[in-house]
Amino acid sequence: MTAPTCGLAAVDHVQLAAPPGSEDALRAFYGDALGMTEIPKPPVLAARGGCWFAAGPVQLHLGIEEDFRPAKKAHPGLRVTGIVEYAARLEAHGVPTEWDAHLPGHRRFYAHDPAGNRLEFLEPEPQAG
């Protein structure tokens, strides 16, 4: 059997929505609180508003949606290192965190961005041994 020459390779980015006029609050949250770097949108897309952020290979794109309503359950899961310190960083920026112990082998918490988007932050538990 011949191996396929095409296929899914990776997640390129995650798109989240936000209400019109929220870009400054999003920049403060994703840039300052989360420590991501804003990356330029292509000019044709920049005219639509919103902003894009990256941290290493992870990209989050925030697009403007006129009749925006945040999803209640849908969310990106973002893997972090030093999760306790990372949660403290968010809390120092006034972002409430909610710890959840229901994923075996991981420490995780949830937080919401200024638009109300739910975000999951997780880190695998160290392996005993």
Protein backbone atom coordinates (compact mmCIF):
# COMPACT_ATOMS: atom_id res chain seq x y z
CA MET A 1 0.00 0.00 0.00
CA THR A 2 1.34 3.42 -0.96
CA ALA A 3 1.42 6.16 1.66
CA PRO A 4 -0.85 9.11 0.83
CA THR A 5 0.87 12.20 -0.52
CA CYS A 6 -1.59 14.59 1.05
CA GLY A 7 -3.26 14.94 4.43
CA LEU A 8 -3.89 17.05 7.49
CA ALA A 9 -0.58 18.25 8.95
CA ALA A 10 -1.37 20.61 11.84
CA VAL A 11 -3.77 23.23 13.13
CA ASP A 12 -2.72 26.51 11.50
CA HIS A 13 -4.75 28.83 13.75
CA VAL A 14 -7.91 29.11 15.80
CA GLN A 15 -10.42 31.84 14.92
CA LEU A 16 -12.47 33.42 17.70
CA ALA A 17 -15.09 36.12 17.28
CA ALA A 18 -15.44 39.39 19.15
CA PRO A 19 -17.78 42.39 19.05
CA PRO A 20 -17.03 45.56 17.08
CA GLY A 21 -14.77 48.01 18.89
CA SER A 22 -13.19 45.40 21.20
CA GLU A 23 -9.70 45.41 19.65
CA ASP A 24 -8.03 47.50 22.40
CA ALA A 25 -9.37 45.22 25.15
CA LEU A 26 -8.34 42.16 23.13
CA ARG A 27 -4.82 43.55 22.67
CA ALA A 28 -4.50 44.14 26.41
CA PHE A 29 -5.71 40.61 27.17
CA TYR A 30 -3.92 38.56 24.52
CA GLY A 31 -0.80 40.74 24.45
CA ASP A 32 -0.30 41.83 28.05
CA ALA A 33 -2.09 39.16 30.12
CA LEU A 34 -1.38 36.10 27.92
CA GLY A 35 2.00 37.34 26.66
CA MET A 36 1.25 36.75 22.99
CA THR A 37 2.64 38.90 20.20
CA GLU A 38 0.28 40.70 17.84
CA ILE A 39 1.01 39.78 14.25
CA PRO A 40 -0.04 41.93 11.30
CA LYS A 41 -3.11 40.94 9.35
CA PRO A 42 -2.88 41.13 5.57
CA PRO A 43 -4.14 44.59 4.50
CA VAL A 44 -7.23 43.22 2.75
CA LEU A 45 -8.24 41.44 6.00
CA ALA A 46 -7.15 44.26 8.34
CA ALA A 47 -9.91 46.42 6.89
CA ARG A 48 -12.43 44.07 8.53
CA GLY A 49 -11.13 44.84 12.03
CA GLY A 50 -10.02 42.34 14.63
CA CYS A 51 -6.47 41.31 15.47
CA TRP A 52 -4.20 38.28 15.29
CA PHE A 53 -1.79 36.96 17.93
CA ALA A 54 0.96 34.35 18.09
CA ALA A 55 3.08 32.57 20.71
CA GLY A 56 5.54 30.18 19.10
CA PRO A 57 3.56 28.05 16.62
CA VAL A 58 0.21 28.92 18.22
CA GLN A 59 -1.92 31.54 16.45
CA LEU A 60 -5.24 32.97 17.59
CA HIS A 61 -7.19 35.15 15.17
CA LEU A 62 -9.86 37.44 16.62
CA GLY A 63 -12.42 38.45 14.02
CA ILE A 64 -15.16 41.02 14.38
CA GLU A 65 -18.73 39.77 14.30
CA GLU A 66 -21.55 42.33 14.24
CA ASP A 67 -24.10 40.29 16.22
CA PHE A 68 -21.49 38.64 18.47
CA ARG A 69 -22.45 36.21 21.22
CA PRO A 70 -19.72 34.15 22.93
CA ALA A 71 -20.05 30.38 22.79
CA LYS A 72 -20.97 28.85 26.13
CA LYS A 73 -18.93 25.65 25.77
CA ALA A 74 -16.75 25.78 22.63
CA HIS A 75 -13.17 26.86 23.32
CA PRO A 76 -9.56 26.42 22.26
CA GLY A 77 -7.36 24.34 24.57
CA LEU A 78 -4.01 26.07 24.99
CA ARG A 79 -1.08 24.08 26.36
CA VAL A 80 1.14 26.07 28.70
CA THR A 81 4.22 25.52 30.84
CA GLY A 82 4.30 26.53 34.50
CA ILE A 83 0.51 26.50 34.74
CA VAL A 84 0.32 27.70 38.36
CA GLU A 85 2.50 30.70 37.55
CA TYR A 86 0.58 31.29 34.32
CA ALA A 87 -2.74 31.37 36.21
CA ALA A 88 -1.20 33.80 38.71
CA ARG A 89 -0.09 35.99 35.78
CA LEU A 90 -3.66 36.16 34.47
CA GLU A 91 -5.06 36.85 37.93
CA ALA A 92 -2.51 39.68 38.38
CA HIS A 93 -4.04 41.20 35.21
CA GLY A 94 -7.52 40.96 36.76
CA VAL A 95 -8.54 37.83 34.84
CA PRO A 96 -10.46 35.32 36.99
CA THR A 97 -9.44 31.69 36.59
CA GLU A 98 -11.47 28.57 37.30
CA TRP A 99 -9.50 25.40 38.03
CA ASP A 100 -10.92 22.06 36.87
CA ALA A 101 -9.57 18.65 37.94
CA HIS A 102 -11.66 16.49 35.60
CA LEU A 103 -9.04 15.72 32.93
CA PRO A 104 -6.84 12.86 34.13
CA GLY A 105 -3.12 13.44 33.73
CA HIS A 106 -3.45 17.23 33.37
CA ARG A 107 -3.71 20.38 35.44
CA ARG A 108 -6.05 22.87 33.84
CA PHE A 109 -8.07 26.01 34.31
CA TYR A 110 -10.51 28.10 32.33
CA ALA A 111 -10.61 31.86 31.80
CA HIS A 112 -12.58 34.22 29.56
CA ASP A 113 -11.27 36.95 27.30
CA PRO A 114 -12.84 40.45 27.40
CA ALA A 115 -15.37 39.41 24.73
CA GLY A 116 -16.50 36.43 26.82
CA ASN A 117 -14.73 33.73 24.79
CA ARG A 118 -13.94 30.70 26.96
CA LEU A 119 -10.29 29.57 26.94
CA GLU A 120 -8.86 26.37 28.43
CA PHE A 121 -5.25 26.34 29.65
CA LEU A 122 -3.68 22.98 30.38
CA GLU A 123 -0.39 21.31 31.23
CA PRO A 124 0.30 17.58 31.45
CA GLU A 125 1.09 16.31 34.95
CA PRO A 126 4.72 15.30 35.36
CA GLN A 127 5.20 11.55 34.93
CA ALA A 128 6.05 9.74 38.15
CA GLY A 129 9.10 7.64 37.93
